[in-house]
Amino acid sequence: MSETAVLSLDRVTKSFGGLVAVKDMTFEVQAGEVLGLMGPNGAGKTTLLNLIAGVYRPDSGRILFQGRNITGCAPHKVCHHGIARTYQIPQPFTNLQVRDNLRVAATYGRKKGDTSELDGILDLVDLSKQKGTIAGDLATVSLKRLELARALATNPTLILLDEVAAGSTEAELPRILDITRQVRAMGKTIILVEHVMKVMVEAVDRIVVMDKGQKIAEGTPDQVMKDEKVMAAYFG
């Protein structure tokens, strides 16, 4: 593991019955980097995020975070170490107000109760005017932003973003890109799963491409988009 790596995966493998969802996955994420994770549907991207976040335990391999072996740690312990994730389908506490959703995240996050940054997070994701709104009453785009805000409220070092732009209109993409840049400017390291290529190309430094659970390419957006294995995975 290099000295600047925040996260290091070493031959991580996970199977469900006879299906190998992730196989021998190895890569590093450097401090302050935005790493894109892409691949066709069923490639294993969300499973990989779940392995990093502690939702699943790998069958083999190691996951190191800031030099600490977190392989198989429970999700709440992974969160306390400084990793947070969002979900493609937002999972707020629907009966709580927006700000209270963040308060819960802060209470059980890394700082365990520090709510001093919640208003700033609400400003960042454009939810200040809706902080008293019941989460279940939010529109889809606001729910996506609440999902990000809840993750940020845990005070992570590394944040795993699962399709934050999914369902967004073309007009909404510039603001999503801007929020992603601001999150990075806060000193966060990001792994970004995204099918919207405009976000992937403009937001990330480097991309890891998965297909059928395996890494098939790694490099800059320009390098990856020209890779023959990537073209074959997407277009056959």
Protein backbone atom coordinates (compact mmCIF):
# COMPACT_ATOMS: atom_id res chain seq x y z
CA MET A 1 0.00 0.00 0.00
CA SER A 2 1.46 3.35 -1.00
CA GLU A 3 1.87 6.01 1.67
CA THR A 4 -0.74 8.28 0.09
CA ALA A 5 -3.38 5.58 -0.47
CA VAL A 6 -6.55 6.06 1.56
CA LEU A 7 -8.05 2.77 0.41
CA SER A 8 -6.37 -0.37 -0.86
CA LEU A 9 -8.11 -3.50 -2.16
CA ASP A 10 -6.01 -6.64 -2.48
CA ARG A 11 -7.54 -9.52 -4.50
CA VAL A 12 -11.02 -9.02 -3.02
CA THR A 13 -13.50 -11.72 -4.05
CA LYS A 14 -17.18 -12.22 -3.24
CA SER A 15 -19.56 -14.94 -4.47
CA PHE A 16 -23.27 -15.50 -3.96
CA GLY A 17 -23.88 -19.20 -4.44
CA GLY A 18 -22.45 -20.03 -7.85
CA LEU A 19 -22.27 -16.38 -8.95
CA VAL A 20 -18.92 -14.65 -8.58
CA ALA A 21 -19.96 -11.01 -8.15
CA VAL A 22 -16.46 -9.61 -7.52
CA LYS A 23 -13.27 -11.48 -8.42
CA ASP A 24 -9.67 -10.68 -7.46
CA MET A 25 -10.37 -6.93 -7.30
CA THR A 26 -7.18 -4.98 -6.69
CA PHE A 27 -6.69 -1.21 -6.80
CA GLU A 28 -5.83 1.79 -4.63
CA VAL A 29 -7.49 5.14 -4.09
CA GLN A 30 -5.17 8.03 -3.29
CA ALA A 31 -5.87 10.75 -0.74
CA GLY A 32 -7.97 13.52 -2.28
CA GLU A 33 -8.63 11.56 -5.46
CA VAL A 34 -11.96 11.12 -7.25
CA LEU A 35 -11.97 7.56 -8.58
CA GLY A 36 -14.66 6.56 -11.04
CA LEU A 37 -16.03 3.03 -10.95
CA MET A 38 -17.89 2.05 -14.09
CA GLY A 39 -19.13 -0.99 -15.96
CA PRO A 40 -22.31 -2.37 -17.56
CA ASN A 41 -25.29 -3.40 -15.44
CA GLY A 42 -24.44 -6.47 -13.38
CA ALA A 43 -20.70 -5.79 -13.46
CA GLY A 44 -20.44 -5.90 -9.66
CA LYS A 45 -20.04 -2.20 -8.88
CA THR A 46 -22.63 -1.95 -6.10
CA THR A 47 -21.46 -5.24 -4.59
CA LEU A 48 -17.95 -3.78 -4.45
CA LEU A 49 -19.22 -0.67 -2.66
CA ASN A 50 -21.06 -2.92 -0.20
CA LEU A 51 -17.83 -4.83 0.47
CA ILE A 52 -15.95 -1.61 1.20
CA ALA A 53 -18.79 -0.30 3.39
CA GLY A 54 -19.02 -3.52 5.40
CA VAL A 55 -22.45 -4.62 4.18
CA TYR A 56 -20.86 -7.81 2.83
CA ARG A 57 -17.80 -9.68 4.03
CA PRO A 58 -15.35 -10.74 1.29
CA ASP A 59 -14.79 -14.45 0.74
CA SER A 60 -11.10 -13.68 0.32
CA GLY A 61 -8.75 -10.73 -0.04
CA ARG A 62 -8.09 -7.67 2.10
CA ILE A 63 -9.51 -4.16 2.35
CA LEU A 64 -7.22 -1.60 3.97
CA PHE A 65 -8.35 1.89 4.95
CA GLN A 66 -5.64 4.35 5.97
CA GLY A 67 -3.38 1.37 6.63
CA ARG A 68 -5.90 -0.38 8.88
CA ASN A 69 -7.33 -3.77 7.89
CA ILE A 70 -11.12 -3.29 7.82
CA THR A 71 -11.91 -6.53 5.99
CA GLY A 72 -15.24 -7.80 7.27
CA CYS A 73 -15.80 -4.93 9.73
CA ALA A 74 -19.45 -4.20 10.49
CA PRO A 75 -20.97 -1.19 8.67
CA HIS A 76 -21.17 0.98 11.79
CA LYS A 77 -17.49 0.36 12.53
CA VAL A 78 -16.55 1.16 8.93
CA CYS A 79 -18.52 4.41 9.31
CA HIS A 80 -16.69 5.24 12.54
CA HIS A 81 -13.37 4.68 10.76
CA GLY A 82 -14.40 7.33 8.22
CA ILE A 83 -16.16 5.73 5.24
CA ALA A 84 -19.69 6.70 4.22
CA ARG A 85 -21.79 5.68 1.25
CA THR A 86 -24.90 6.76 -0.59
CA TYR A 87 -27.42 4.44 -2.19
CA GLN A 88 -28.71 4.52 -5.74
CA ILE A 89 -32.22 4.44 -4.28
CA PRO A 90 -32.19 6.96 -1.39
CA GLN A 91 -32.85 5.50 2.04
CA PRO A 92 -33.80 8.42 4.31
CA PHE A 93 -35.84 8.26 7.48
CA THR A 94 -39.00 9.22 5.62
CA ASN A 95 -40.95 10.34 8.70
CA LEU A 96 -38.21 12.68 9.95
CA GLN A 97 -37.50 16.22 8.83
CA VAL A 98 -34.54 16.83 6.54
CA ARG A 99 -32.32 18.32 9.23
CA ASP A 100 -33.20 15.55 11.67
CA ASN A 101 -32.05 13.01 9.07
CA LEU A 102 -28.66 14.70 9.18
CA ARG A 103 -28.74 14.85 12.97
CA VAL A 104 -29.17 11.06 13.15
CA ALA A 105 -26.25 10.58 10.76
CA ALA A 106 -24.05 12.91 12.80
CA THR A 107 -25.03 11.22 16.06
CA TYR A 108 -23.94 7.79 14.88
CA GLY A 109 -21.10 8.94 12.58
CA ARG A 110 -17.40 9.44 13.22
CA LYS A 111 -17.77 12.48 15.51
CA LYS A 112 -20.64 10.85 17.41
CA GLY A 113 -22.92 13.78 18.05
CA ASP A 114 -21.19 16.82 16.54
CA THR A 115 -23.95 18.70 14.69
CA SER A 116 -21.99 21.93 14.15
CA GLU A 117 -21.58 21.39 10.41
CA LEU A 118 -25.14 20.37 9.52
CA ASP A 119 -26.33 23.78 8.32
CA GLY A 120 -23.29 24.11 6.09
CA ILE A 121 -23.99 20.70 4.59
CA LEU A 122 -27.59 21.69 3.94
CA ASP A 123 -26.35 24.82 2.16
CA LEU A 124 -23.96 22.74 0.06
CA VAL A 125 -26.70 20.46 -1.27
CA ASP A 126 -29.32 23.25 -1.65
CA LEU A 127 -31.62 21.94 1.07
CA SER A 128 -31.49 24.81 3.58
CA LYS A 129 -34.98 26.00 2.67
CA GLN A 130 -36.31 22.46 3.06
CA LYS A 131 -34.62 21.57 6.35
CA GLY A 132 -38.00 21.42 8.11
CA THR A 133 -39.64 19.35 5.37
CA ILE A 134 -40.53 15.73 6.06
CA ALA A 135 -38.08 13.66 4.01
CA GLY A 136 -40.84 11.51 2.54
CA ASP A 137 -42.33 14.61 0.93
CA LEU A 138 -39.20 15.53 -1.04
CA ALA A 139 -38.95 15.30 -4.82
CA THR A 140 -36.52 12.77 -6.31
CA VAL A 141 -33.69 15.25 -6.96
CA SER A 142 -33.92 16.53 -3.37
CA LEU A 143 -33.92 12.99 -2.01
CA LYS A 144 -30.69 12.34 -3.91
CA ARG A 145 -29.14 15.42 -2.33
CA LEU A 146 -30.40 14.42 1.11
CA GLU A 147 -28.71 11.04 0.62
CA LEU A 148 -25.42 12.82 -0.02
CA ALA A 149 -25.98 15.18 2.90
CA ARG A 150 -26.60 12.29 5.29
CA ALA A 151 -23.34 10.67 4.20
CA LEU A 152 -21.43 13.93 4.68
CA ALA A 153 -22.97 14.38 8.14
CA THR A 154 -21.11 11.27 9.34
CA ASN A 155 -17.85 13.23 8.72
CA PRO A 156 -16.21 10.74 6.35
CA THR A 157 -12.71 10.76 4.93
CA LEU A 158 -13.86 8.56 2.03
CA ILE A 159 -17.31 8.80 0.51
CA LEU A 160 -18.80 6.22 -1.86
CA LEU A 161 -21.28 7.82 -4.26
CA ASP A 162 -23.63 5.38 -6.01
CA GLU A 163 -25.17 7.05 -9.08
CA VAL A 164 -25.84 10.49 -7.63
CA ALA A 165 -26.88 11.76 -11.08
CA ALA A 166 -29.32 8.95 -11.86
CA GLY A 167 -32.70 10.37 -12.87
CA SER A 168 -31.38 13.92 -13.22
CA THR A 169 -32.15 16.10 -16.20
CA GLU A 170 -29.46 17.56 -18.44
CA ALA A 171 -30.09 20.95 -16.86
CA GLU A 172 -29.43 19.56 -13.38
CA LEU A 173 -26.05 17.97 -14.22
CA PRO A 174 -23.90 21.14 -13.90
CA ARG A 175 -25.06 21.63 -10.32
CA ILE A 176 -24.37 17.96 -9.50
CA LEU A 177 -20.86 18.37 -10.89
CA ASP A 178 -20.40 21.54 -8.87
CA ILE A 179 -21.51 19.84 -5.64
CA THR A 180 -19.13 16.95 -6.32
CA ARG A 181 -16.26 19.40 -6.77
CA GLN A 182 -17.17 21.18 -3.54
CA VAL A 183 -17.23 17.87 -1.66
CA ARG A 184 -13.74 17.18 -2.96
CA ALA A 185 -12.64 20.67 -1.94
CA MET A 186 -13.70 19.78 1.61
CA GLY A 187 -10.82 17.31 1.61
CA LYS A 188 -12.90 14.23 0.91
CA THR A 189 -11.71 11.29 -1.16
CA ILE A 190 -14.45 9.98 -3.47
CA ILE A 191 -15.32 6.75 -5.26
CA LEU A 192 -17.98 7.58 -7.82
CA VAL A 193 -20.21 4.99 -9.51
CA GLU A 194 -22.03 6.60 -12.39
CA HIS A 195 -23.61 5.74 -15.74
CA VAL A 196 -23.95 9.39 -16.80
CA MET A 197 -20.78 9.78 -18.85
CA LYS A 198 -20.71 13.59 -18.59
CA VAL A 199 -20.35 13.29 -14.82
CA MET A 200 -17.79 10.50 -15.09
CA VAL A 201 -15.62 12.31 -17.64
CA GLU A 202 -15.72 15.73 -15.96
CA ALA A 203 -15.60 14.74 -12.28
CA VAL A 204 -13.02 11.96 -11.94
CA ASP A 205 -9.24 11.70 -12.10
CA ARG A 206 -9.05 7.99 -12.85
CA ILE A 207 -11.48 5.21 -13.72
CA VAL A 208 -11.60 1.52 -12.82
CA VAL A 209 -13.81 -0.44 -15.22
CA MET A 210 -15.51 -3.67 -14.13
CA ASP A 211 -17.17 -6.39 -16.18
CA LYS A 212 -18.55 -9.63 -14.79
CA GLY A 213 -16.99 -8.90 -11.43
CA GLN A 214 -13.46 -8.31 -12.68
CA LYS A 215 -11.36 -5.25 -13.40
CA ILE A 216 -10.86 -5.00 -17.16
CA ALA A 217 -9.32 -1.53 -17.42
CA GLU A 218 -7.87 1.27 -15.31
CA GLY A 219 -6.64 4.71 -16.30
CA THR A 220 -7.63 8.28 -17.06
CA PRO A 221 -11.09 8.88 -18.55
CA ASP A 222 -9.53 9.40 -21.98
CA GLN A 223 -7.50 6.19 -21.78
CA VAL A 224 -10.44 4.12 -20.56
CA MET A 225 -12.88 5.39 -23.18
CA LYS A 226 -10.51 4.23 -25.92
CA ASP A 227 -9.83 0.79 -24.40
CA GLU A 228 -10.98 -2.08 -26.62
CA LYS A 229 -12.04 -4.23 -23.64
CA VAL A 230 -14.25 -1.42 -22.38
CA MET A 231 -15.83 -0.93 -25.79
CA ALA A 232 -16.52 -4.67 -26.02
CA ALA A 233 -18.06 -4.76 -22.53
CA TYR A 234 -20.49 -1.96 -23.37
CA PHE A 235 -21.20 -2.55 -27.03
CA GLY A 236 -20.31 -6.22 -27.61
